[in-house]
Amino acid sequence: MMLCEVDSSVTAFIEQPLTLRYRVAGSRARIHKPDFMVQRGAAIELIETKWEGDAASPENEARWPVIGAAVSALGWSFEVVSERHINRQPRLDNVIALHCARHTPMPNPEMELQLANLVRQGAVCSIDQAIKAIPTLSLRQILAMTFMGRIRLLLDEEISGSSRILSA
């Protein structure tokens, strides 16, 4: 869930949004409640989180294609995500840092506008440059602004002074 909160491509997400009824050939009817429904623009994706060992069990390996086909018939996609994806570094540490900074007071609107203009004009590319250009701006405020979706940082790169700030 923390990944969805800080992924700027995610426009909405819901935990356990629905119940799917399905049948694997030769078995009784079953139900499945995906962990998340994630919207990215017009695209909808149902996501199931499982430990890698559980995801690869014969029972689950048999049901994933059936669930995927049912979801695809709705025009959506289905993905099983394991701890390998969730714990990928430096993304996990970055998500935790953004989450920890989420309650930091935001910069005043003038500072936010100044940063947005600097980023848009290409005058500021990195966190260090932003803090130098706006001395009252802090790293925690930049992280909070990222968490709130006002700016973007590349989460697959370690967040540091040289991290690029992107428009939201």
N, C-alpha and C. Protein backbone atom coordinates (compact mmCIF):
# COMPACT_ATOMS: atom_id res chain seq x y z
N MET A 1 0.82 -1.18 0.00
CA MET A 1 0.00 0.00 0.00
C MET A 1 0.87 1.25 0.00
N MET A 2 1.97 1.25 0.77
CA MET A 2 2.85 2.42 0.79
C MET A 2 3.40 2.72 -0.59
N LEU A 3 3.63 1.66 -1.39
CA LEU A 3 4.11 1.88 -2.76
C LEU A 3 3.08 2.66 -3.56
N CYS A 4 1.80 2.32 -3.41
CA CYS A 4 0.74 3.01 -4.15
C CYS A 4 0.63 4.47 -3.71
N GLU A 5 0.86 4.73 -2.43
CA GLU A 5 0.74 6.10 -1.92
C GLU A 5 1.78 7.03 -2.52
N VAL A 6 2.95 6.52 -2.89
CA VAL A 6 4.01 7.40 -3.37
C VAL A 6 4.31 7.25 -4.86
N ASP A 7 3.64 6.33 -5.53
CA ASP A 7 3.86 6.14 -6.97
C ASP A 7 3.04 7.19 -7.71
N SER A 8 3.73 8.13 -8.36
CA SER A 8 3.02 9.24 -9.01
C SER A 8 2.16 8.79 -10.19
N SER A 9 2.38 7.57 -10.70
CA SER A 9 1.54 7.09 -11.80
C SER A 9 0.20 6.55 -11.29
N VAL A 10 0.08 6.30 -9.99
CA VAL A 10 -1.15 5.76 -9.41
C VAL A 10 -2.11 6.92 -9.14
N THR A 11 -3.27 6.87 -9.79
CA THR A 11 -4.27 7.92 -9.59
C THR A 11 -5.28 7.55 -8.50
N ALA A 12 -5.43 6.24 -8.23
CA ALA A 12 -6.32 5.77 -7.17
C ALA A 12 -5.99 4.32 -6.85
N PHE A 13 -6.27 3.91 -5.61
CA PHE A 13 -6.15 2.50 -5.25
C PHE A 13 -7.11 2.18 -4.13
N ILE A 14 -7.55 0.92 -4.11
CA ILE A 14 -8.51 0.45 -3.11
C ILE A 14 -8.02 -0.90 -2.61
N GLU A 15 -8.06 -1.10 -1.30
CA GLU A 15 -7.70 -2.39 -0.73
C GLU A 15 -8.89 -3.35 -0.82
N GLN A 16 -8.61 -4.59 -1.14
CA GLN A 16 -9.62 -5.65 -1.28
C GLN A 16 -10.93 -5.12 -1.85
N PRO A 17 -10.89 -4.70 -3.10
CA PRO A 17 -12.01 -3.98 -3.70
C PRO A 17 -13.21 -4.83 -4.09
N LEU A 18 -13.00 -6.13 -4.33
CA LEU A 18 -14.10 -6.94 -4.85
C LEU A 18 -13.82 -8.42 -4.61
N THR A 19 -14.83 -9.21 -4.88
CA THR A 19 -14.71 -10.66 -4.78
C THR A 19 -14.95 -11.26 -6.15
N LEU A 20 -14.01 -12.06 -6.60
CA LEU A 20 -14.13 -12.76 -7.89
C LEU A 20 -14.54 -14.20 -7.62
N ARG A 21 -15.46 -14.70 -8.42
CA ARG A 21 -15.83 -16.11 -8.36
C ARG A 21 -15.26 -16.77 -9.61
N TYR A 22 -14.59 -17.90 -9.42
CA TYR A 22 -13.94 -18.57 -10.56
C TYR A 22 -13.92 -20.07 -10.30
N ARG A 23 -13.59 -20.80 -11.36
CA ARG A 23 -13.51 -22.26 -11.26
C ARG A 23 -12.31 -22.72 -12.08
N VAL A 24 -11.41 -23.42 -11.40
CA VAL A 24 -10.29 -24.07 -12.09
C VAL A 24 -10.83 -25.40 -12.59
N ALA A 25 -10.48 -25.77 -13.82
CA ALA A 25 -11.00 -27.00 -14.44
C ALA A 25 -10.92 -28.18 -13.47
N GLY A 26 -12.06 -28.86 -13.35
CA GLY A 26 -12.13 -30.05 -12.52
C GLY A 26 -12.24 -29.79 -11.03
N SER A 27 -12.50 -28.56 -10.63
CA SER A 27 -12.63 -28.28 -9.19
C SER A 27 -13.92 -27.52 -8.92
N ARG A 28 -14.19 -27.35 -7.66
CA ARG A 28 -15.39 -26.62 -7.25
C ARG A 28 -15.19 -25.12 -7.45
N ALA A 29 -16.28 -24.38 -7.41
CA ALA A 29 -16.20 -22.92 -7.54
C ALA A 29 -15.45 -22.35 -6.34
N ARG A 30 -14.65 -21.33 -6.61
CA ARG A 30 -13.86 -20.69 -5.57
C ARG A 30 -14.05 -19.18 -5.65
N ILE A 31 -13.59 -18.51 -4.59
CA ILE A 31 -13.63 -17.05 -4.60
C ILE A 31 -12.20 -16.53 -4.39
N HIS A 32 -11.98 -15.31 -4.88
CA HIS A 32 -10.68 -14.67 -4.71
C HIS A 32 -10.92 -13.18 -4.46
N LYS A 33 -10.27 -12.66 -3.43
CA LYS A 33 -10.32 -11.22 -3.14
C LYS A 33 -8.93 -10.65 -3.37
N PRO A 34 -8.74 -9.97 -4.50
CA PRO A 34 -7.42 -9.39 -4.74
C PRO A 34 -7.09 -8.36 -3.66
N ASP A 35 -5.80 -8.20 -3.39
CA ASP A 35 -5.38 -7.29 -2.33
C ASP A 35 -5.63 -5.83 -2.69
N PHE A 36 -5.41 -5.47 -3.96
CA PHE A 36 -5.54 -4.07 -4.37
C PHE A 36 -6.12 -3.95 -5.76
N MET A 37 -6.85 -2.87 -5.96
CA MET A 37 -7.21 -2.41 -7.30
C MET A 37 -6.48 -1.09 -7.46
N VAL A 38 -5.67 -0.99 -8.50
CA VAL A 38 -4.86 0.20 -8.73
C VAL A 38 -5.26 0.80 -10.07
N GLN A 39 -5.47 2.10 -10.07
CA GLN A 39 -5.78 2.82 -11.30
C GLN A 39 -4.60 3.70 -11.66
N ARG A 40 -4.15 3.57 -12.90
CA ARG A 40 -3.10 4.43 -13.47
C ARG A 40 -3.70 5.03 -14.73
N GLY A 41 -4.13 6.28 -14.65
CA GLY A 41 -4.83 6.87 -15.79
C GLY A 41 -6.12 6.11 -16.00
N ALA A 42 -6.33 5.62 -17.22
CA ALA A 42 -7.54 4.86 -17.52
C ALA A 42 -7.35 3.36 -17.27
N ALA A 43 -6.14 2.92 -16.98
CA ALA A 43 -5.85 1.48 -16.80
C ALA A 43 -6.14 1.04 -15.37
N ILE A 44 -6.79 -0.12 -15.27
CA ILE A 44 -7.11 -0.72 -13.97
C ILE A 44 -6.32 -2.02 -13.84
N GLU A 45 -5.73 -2.22 -12.68
CA GLU A 45 -4.97 -3.44 -12.42
C GLU A 45 -5.36 -4.00 -11.06
N LEU A 46 -5.61 -5.29 -11.02
CA LEU A 46 -5.82 -5.97 -9.75
C LEU A 46 -4.49 -6.59 -9.34
N ILE A 47 -4.11 -6.38 -8.09
CA ILE A 47 -2.82 -6.85 -7.62
C ILE A 47 -3.02 -7.79 -6.43
N GLU A 48 -2.35 -8.91 -6.50
CA GLU A 48 -2.32 -9.89 -5.42
C GLU A 48 -0.90 -9.91 -4.86
N THR A 49 -0.75 -9.75 -3.56
CA THR A 49 0.57 -9.84 -2.95
C THR A 49 0.69 -11.20 -2.26
N LYS A 50 1.77 -11.88 -2.55
CA LYS A 50 2.01 -13.21 -1.97
C LYS A 50 3.50 -13.38 -1.72
N TRP A 51 3.84 -14.14 -0.71
CA TRP A 51 5.21 -14.59 -0.56
C TRP A 51 5.54 -15.40 -1.80
N GLU A 52 6.74 -15.27 -2.28
CA GLU A 52 7.12 -15.93 -3.52
C GLU A 52 6.86 -17.43 -3.49
N GLY A 53 7.17 -18.08 -2.36
CA GLY A 53 6.91 -19.51 -2.22
C GLY A 53 5.43 -19.85 -2.33
N ASP A 54 4.58 -19.02 -1.73
CA ASP A 54 3.13 -19.24 -1.82
C ASP A 54 2.62 -18.99 -3.23
N ALA A 55 3.12 -17.95 -3.86
CA ALA A 55 2.68 -17.63 -5.22
C ALA A 55 2.99 -18.76 -6.18
N ALA A 56 4.09 -19.47 -5.93
CA ALA A 56 4.51 -20.54 -6.84
C ALA A 56 3.96 -21.91 -6.48
N SER A 57 3.07 -21.99 -5.48
CA SER A 57 2.50 -23.29 -5.13
C SER A 57 1.67 -23.82 -6.30
N PRO A 58 1.56 -25.13 -6.44
CA PRO A 58 0.77 -25.69 -7.55
C PRO A 58 -0.67 -25.17 -7.59
N GLU A 59 -1.29 -25.05 -6.43
CA GLU A 59 -2.68 -24.56 -6.39
C GLU A 59 -2.76 -23.13 -6.95
N ASN A 60 -1.85 -22.26 -6.52
CA ASN A 60 -1.88 -20.88 -7.01
C ASN A 60 -1.45 -20.79 -8.47
N GLU A 61 -0.46 -21.58 -8.87
CA GLU A 61 -0.03 -21.58 -10.27
C GLU A 61 -1.18 -21.99 -11.19
N ALA A 62 -2.09 -22.83 -10.70
CA ALA A 62 -3.24 -23.24 -11.50
C ALA A 62 -4.31 -22.15 -11.56
N ARG A 63 -4.45 -21.39 -10.49
CA ARG A 63 -5.53 -20.40 -10.47
C ARG A 63 -5.15 -19.04 -11.06
N TRP A 64 -3.87 -18.66 -11.05
CA TRP A 64 -3.50 -17.34 -11.57
C TRP A 64 -3.95 -17.12 -13.01
N PRO A 65 -3.74 -18.07 -13.92
CA PRO A 65 -4.20 -17.84 -15.30
C PRO A 65 -5.73 -17.70 -15.43
N VAL A 66 -6.46 -18.45 -14.61
CA VAL A 66 -7.92 -18.38 -14.64
C VAL A 66 -8.39 -17.00 -14.16
N ILE A 67 -7.81 -16.54 -13.06
CA ILE A 67 -8.15 -15.22 -12.54
C ILE A 67 -7.73 -14.15 -13.54
N GLY A 68 -6.53 -14.29 -14.10
CA GLY A 68 -6.03 -13.33 -15.08
C GLY A 68 -6.94 -13.22 -16.29
N ALA A 69 -7.46 -14.36 -16.77
CA ALA A 69 -8.36 -14.35 -17.93
C ALA A 69 -9.68 -13.65 -17.59
N ALA A 70 -10.20 -13.91 -16.39
CA ALA A 70 -11.46 -13.27 -15.99
C ALA A 70 -11.28 -11.75 -15.87
N VAL A 71 -10.18 -11.34 -15.30
CA VAL A 71 -9.90 -9.91 -15.14
C VAL A 71 -9.67 -9.27 -16.50
N SER A 72 -8.96 -9.97 -17.38
CA SER A 72 -8.70 -9.46 -18.73
C SER A 72 -10.00 -9.26 -19.51
N ALA A 73 -10.97 -10.13 -19.28
CA ALA A 73 -12.27 -10.00 -19.96
C ALA A 73 -12.97 -8.70 -19.57
N LEU A 74 -12.61 -8.14 -18.41
CA LEU A 74 -13.17 -6.86 -17.96
C LEU A 74 -12.39 -5.67 -18.53
N GLY A 75 -11.28 -5.98 -19.22
CA GLY A 75 -10.43 -4.92 -19.75
C GLY A 75 -9.39 -4.45 -18.75
N TRP A 76 -9.18 -5.23 -17.69
CA TRP A 76 -8.22 -4.89 -16.66
C TRP A 76 -7.03 -5.84 -16.76
N SER A 77 -6.03 -5.61 -15.94
CA SER A 77 -4.89 -6.53 -15.88
C SER A 77 -4.77 -7.09 -14.46
N PHE A 78 -4.01 -8.16 -14.33
CA PHE A 78 -3.84 -8.85 -13.05
C PHE A 78 -2.36 -9.14 -12.87
N GLU A 79 -1.85 -8.86 -11.68
CA GLU A 79 -0.44 -9.12 -11.40
C GLU A 79 -0.31 -9.70 -9.99
N VAL A 80 0.57 -10.67 -9.87
CA VAL A 80 0.94 -11.21 -8.56
C VAL A 80 2.29 -10.61 -8.22
N VAL A 81 2.37 -9.96 -7.07
CA VAL A 81 3.58 -9.27 -6.64
C VAL A 81 4.12 -9.98 -5.40
N SER A 82 5.42 -10.26 -5.42
CA SER A 82 6.05 -10.95 -4.28
C SER A 82 6.96 -10.00 -3.52
N GLU A 83 7.51 -10.53 -2.44
CA GLU A 83 8.43 -9.73 -1.62
C GLU A 83 9.65 -9.26 -2.41
N ARG A 84 10.03 -9.98 -3.45
CA ARG A 84 11.17 -9.57 -4.26
C ARG A 84 10.90 -8.20 -4.91
N HIS A 85 9.68 -7.99 -5.36
CA HIS A 85 9.31 -6.70 -5.95
C HIS A 85 9.15 -5.63 -4.87
N ILE A 86 8.48 -5.97 -3.80
CA ILE A 86 8.19 -5.00 -2.74
C ILE A 86 9.46 -4.55 -2.03
N ASN A 87 10.38 -5.48 -1.78
CA ASN A 87 11.59 -5.18 -1.02
C ASN A 87 12.75 -4.70 -1.87
N ARG A 88 12.52 -4.47 -3.15
CA ARG A 88 13.59 -4.05 -4.06
C ARG A 88 14.21 -2.73 -3.60
N GLN A 89 15.51 -2.71 -3.55
CA GLN A 89 16.24 -1.51 -3.15
C GLN A 89 16.76 -0.77 -4.38
N PRO A 90 16.89 0.52 -4.33
CA PRO A 90 16.65 1.40 -3.18
C PRO A 90 15.20 1.85 -3.04
N ARG A 91 14.32 1.31 -3.89
CA ARG A 91 12.91 1.73 -3.86
C ARG A 91 12.30 1.62 -2.47
N LEU A 92 12.50 0.49 -1.78
CA LEU A 92 11.87 0.31 -0.47
C LEU A 92 12.34 1.38 0.51
N ASP A 93 13.64 1.62 0.59
CA ASP A 93 14.14 2.65 1.50
C ASP A 93 13.58 4.02 1.13
N ASN A 94 13.46 4.32 -0.14
CA ASN A 94 12.91 5.60 -0.58
C ASN A 94 11.44 5.74 -0.19
N VAL A 95 10.67 4.68 -0.38
CA VAL A 95 9.25 4.71 -0.02
C VAL A 95 9.10 4.93 1.48
N ILE A 96 9.93 4.26 2.27
CA ILE A 96 9.88 4.44 3.73
C ILE A 96 10.24 5.87 4.10
N ALA A 97 11.27 6.43 3.46
CA ALA A 97 11.67 7.82 3.75
C ALA A 97 10.54 8.79 3.41
N LEU A 98 9.89 8.59 2.28
CA LEU A 98 8.78 9.47 1.90
C LEU A 98 7.63 9.33 2.89
N HIS A 99 7.35 8.10 3.28
CA HIS A 99 6.27 7.85 4.23
C HIS A 99 6.56 8.51 5.57
N CYS A 100 7.81 8.43 6.03
CA CYS A 100 8.20 9.04 7.31
C CYS A 100 8.10 10.57 7.26
N ALA A 101 8.28 11.15 6.08
CA ALA A 101 8.25 12.62 5.95
C ALA A 101 6.86 13.15 5.67
N ARG A 102 5.86 12.29 5.58
CA ARG A 102 4.55 12.72 5.11
C ARG A 102 3.88 13.76 6.00
N HIS A 103 4.23 13.82 7.28
CA HIS A 103 3.60 14.79 8.18
C HIS A 103 4.42 16.06 8.35
N THR A 104 5.51 16.18 7.61
CA THR A 104 6.33 17.39 7.66
C THR A 104 5.51 18.55 7.12
N PRO A 105 5.53 19.69 7.79
CA PRO A 105 4.79 20.84 7.26
C PRO A 105 5.27 21.19 5.85
N MET A 106 4.32 21.42 4.99
CA MET A 106 4.64 21.77 3.61
C MET A 106 5.21 23.18 3.55
N PRO A 107 6.03 23.45 2.53
CA PRO A 107 6.51 24.82 2.36
C PRO A 107 5.33 25.74 2.07
N ASN A 108 5.50 27.02 2.33
CA ASN A 108 4.40 27.94 2.05
C ASN A 108 4.14 27.96 0.54
N PRO A 109 2.96 28.40 0.14
CA PRO A 109 2.60 28.36 -1.29
C PRO A 109 3.58 29.11 -2.19
N GLU A 110 4.14 30.20 -1.71
CA GLU A 110 5.10 30.95 -2.52
C GLU A 110 6.35 30.12 -2.80
N MET A 111 6.85 29.41 -1.76
CA MET A 111 8.03 28.56 -1.94
C MET A 111 7.72 27.41 -2.90
N GLU A 112 6.53 26.85 -2.75
CA GLU A 112 6.13 25.75 -3.62
C GLU A 112 6.06 26.21 -5.08
N LEU A 113 5.49 27.37 -5.28
CA LEU A 113 5.40 27.94 -6.63
C LEU A 113 6.80 28.26 -7.17
N GLN A 114 7.66 28.78 -6.33
CA GLN A 114 9.03 29.10 -6.74
C GLN A 114 9.75 27.82 -7.17
N LEU A 115 9.61 26.75 -6.40
CA LEU A 115 10.25 25.48 -6.76
C LEU A 115 9.66 24.94 -8.06
N ALA A 116 8.34 24.98 -8.19
CA ALA A 116 7.70 24.49 -9.41
C ALA A 116 8.20 25.25 -10.63
N ASN A 117 8.33 26.56 -10.51
CA ASN A 117 8.82 27.36 -11.62
C ASN A 117 10.28 27.04 -11.96
N LEU A 118 11.11 26.87 -10.94
CA LEU A 118 12.51 26.53 -11.16
C LEU A 118 12.65 25.17 -11.85
N VAL A 119 11.84 24.20 -11.41
CA VAL A 119 11.89 22.87 -12.02
C VAL A 119 11.39 22.94 -13.46
N ARG A 120 10.29 23.64 -13.68
CA ARG A 120 9.71 23.75 -15.02
C ARG A 120 10.67 24.46 -15.99
N GLN A 121 11.37 25.45 -15.51
CA GLN A 121 12.31 26.21 -16.35
C GLN A 121 13.64 25.46 -16.54
N GLY A 122 13.83 24.38 -15.79
CA GLY A 122 15.09 23.64 -15.89
C GLY A 122 16.21 24.26 -15.08
N ALA A 123 15.90 25.27 -14.27
CA ALA A 123 16.92 25.93 -13.46
C ALA A 123 17.33 25.06 -12.28
N VAL A 124 16.44 24.19 -11.83
CA VAL A 124 16.73 23.29 -10.72
C VAL A 124 16.53 21.87 -11.21
N CYS A 125 17.55 21.07 -11.02
CA CYS A 125 17.45 19.67 -11.41
C CYS A 125 17.58 18.74 -10.21
N SER A 126 18.28 19.18 -9.16
CA SER A 126 18.55 18.28 -8.04
C SER A 126 18.04 18.85 -6.73
N ILE A 127 18.00 17.99 -5.72
CA ILE A 127 17.59 18.41 -4.38
C ILE A 127 18.56 19.47 -3.86
N ASP A 128 19.87 19.24 -4.00
CA ASP A 128 20.85 20.22 -3.53
C ASP A 128 20.65 21.58 -4.20
N GLN A 129 20.39 21.58 -5.51
CA GLN A 129 20.19 22.84 -6.22
C GLN A 129 18.93 23.55 -5.72
N ALA A 130 17.89 22.78 -5.43
CA ALA A 130 16.64 23.38 -4.93
C ALA A 130 16.86 24.04 -3.58
N ILE A 131 17.58 23.34 -2.70
CA ILE A 131 17.82 23.88 -1.36
C ILE A 131 18.74 25.10 -1.43
N LYS A 132 19.66 25.11 -2.37
CA LYS A 132 20.54 26.28 -2.55
C LYS A 132 19.74 27.47 -3.10
N ALA A 133 18.84 27.21 -4.04
CA ALA A 133 18.03 28.28 -4.65
C ALA A 133 16.98 28.81 -3.68
N ILE A 134 16.47 27.94 -2.80
CA ILE A 134 15.43 28.32 -1.83
C ILE A 134 15.94 27.90 -0.46
N PRO A 135 16.75 28.72 0.19
CA PRO A 135 17.44 28.32 1.42
C PRO A 135 16.54 27.88 2.57
N THR A 136 15.28 28.32 2.59
CA THR A 136 14.39 27.91 3.69
C THR A 136 13.71 26.57 3.40
N LEU A 137 13.97 26.00 2.23
CA LEU A 137 13.41 24.70 1.86
C LEU A 137 14.29 23.59 2.43
N SER A 138 13.66 22.54 2.98
CA SER A 138 14.43 21.44 3.57
C SER A 138 14.22 20.14 2.79
N LEU A 139 15.11 19.21 3.01
CA LEU A 139 14.99 17.88 2.39
C LEU A 139 13.67 17.24 2.81
N ARG A 140 13.32 17.32 4.09
CA ARG A 140 12.06 16.70 4.55
C ARG A 140 10.85 17.32 3.85
N GLN A 141 10.90 18.62 3.57
CA GLN A 141 9.79 19.25 2.85
C GLN A 141 9.74 18.73 1.41
N ILE A 142 10.89 18.54 0.79
CA ILE A 142 10.92 17.98 -0.56
C ILE A 142 10.34 16.57 -0.55
N LEU A 143 10.69 15.79 0.46
CA LEU A 143 10.14 14.43 0.58
C LEU A 143 8.63 14.48 0.80
N ALA A 144 8.18 15.41 1.64
CA ALA A 144 6.73 15.54 1.90
C ALA A 144 6.00 15.97 0.62
N MET A 145 6.58 16.88 -0.13
CA MET A 145 5.97 17.32 -1.39
C MET A 145 5.89 16.15 -2.37
N THR A 146 6.91 15.31 -2.36
CA THR A 146 6.89 14.12 -3.22
C THR A 146 5.79 13.17 -2.78
N PHE A 147 5.69 12.94 -1.47
CA PHE A 147 4.65 12.06 -0.94
C PHE A 147 3.27 12.57 -1.34
N MET A 148 3.07 13.90 -1.29
CA MET A 148 1.77 14.49 -1.61
C MET A 148 1.52 14.60 -3.11
N GLY A 149 2.51 14.21 -3.94
CA GLY A 149 2.32 14.22 -5.38
C GLY A 149 2.51 15.58 -6.03
N ARG A 150 3.13 16.52 -5.33
CA ARG A 150 3.33 17.85 -5.90
C ARG A 150 4.57 17.92 -6.79
N ILE A 151 5.55 17.07 -6.49
CA ILE A 151 6.74 16.90 -7.32
C ILE A 151 7.02 15.40 -7.38
N ARG A 152 7.99 15.01 -8.20
CA ARG A 152 8.35 13.59 -8.30
C ARG A 152 9.85 13.44 -8.11
N LEU A 153 10.22 12.32 -7.51
CA LEU A 153 11.60 11.86 -7.46
C LEU A 153 11.61 10.46 -8.05
N LEU A 154 12.71 10.05 -8.63
CA LEU A 154 12.82 8.70 -9.19
C LEU A 154 13.08 7.72 -8.04
N LEU A 155 12.11 6.88 -7.76
CA LEU A 155 12.18 6.02 -6.59
C LEU A 155 13.12 4.83 -6.77
N ASP A 156 13.50 4.53 -7.99
CA ASP A 156 14.42 3.41 -8.20
C ASP A 156 15.87 3.85 -8.13
N GLU A 157 16.11 5.10 -7.78
CA GLU A 157 17.45 5.62 -7.55
C GLU A 157 17.51 6.11 -6.11
N GLU A 158 18.63 5.88 -5.44
CA GLU A 158 18.77 6.32 -4.06
C GLU A 158 18.54 7.83 -3.96
N ILE A 159 17.68 8.24 -3.02
CA ILE A 159 17.42 9.66 -2.83
C ILE A 159 18.63 10.28 -2.12
N SER A 160 19.20 11.29 -2.77
CA SER A 160 20.37 11.99 -2.23
C SER A 160 20.30 13.43 -2.72
N GLY A 161 21.30 14.21 -2.35
CA GLY A 161 21.35 15.60 -2.81
C GLY A 161 21.36 15.75 -4.31
N SER A 162 21.89 14.73 -5.00
CA SER A 162 21.96 14.81 -6.46
C SER A 162 20.71 14.26 -7.16
N SER A 163 19.73 13.80 -6.38
CA SER A 163 18.49 13.26 -6.98
C SER A 163 17.78 14.35 -7.77
N ARG A 164 17.31 13.97 -8.94
CA ARG A 164 16.59 14.91 -9.80
C ARG A 164 15.17 15.12 -9.29
N ILE A 165 14.76 16.37 -9.29
CA ILE A 165 13.37 16.73 -8.96
C ILE A 165 12.64 16.89 -10.29
N LEU A 166 11.49 16.24 -10.40
CA LEU A 166 10.69 16.29 -11.63
C LEU A 166 9.33 16.90 -11.34
N SER A 167 8.73 17.47 -12.35
CA SER A 167 7.36 17.99 -12.19
C SER A 167 6.41 16.83 -11.94
N ALA A 168 5.35 17.11 -11.23
CA ALA A 168 4.35 16.08 -10.91
C ALA A 168 3.58 15.66 -12.12
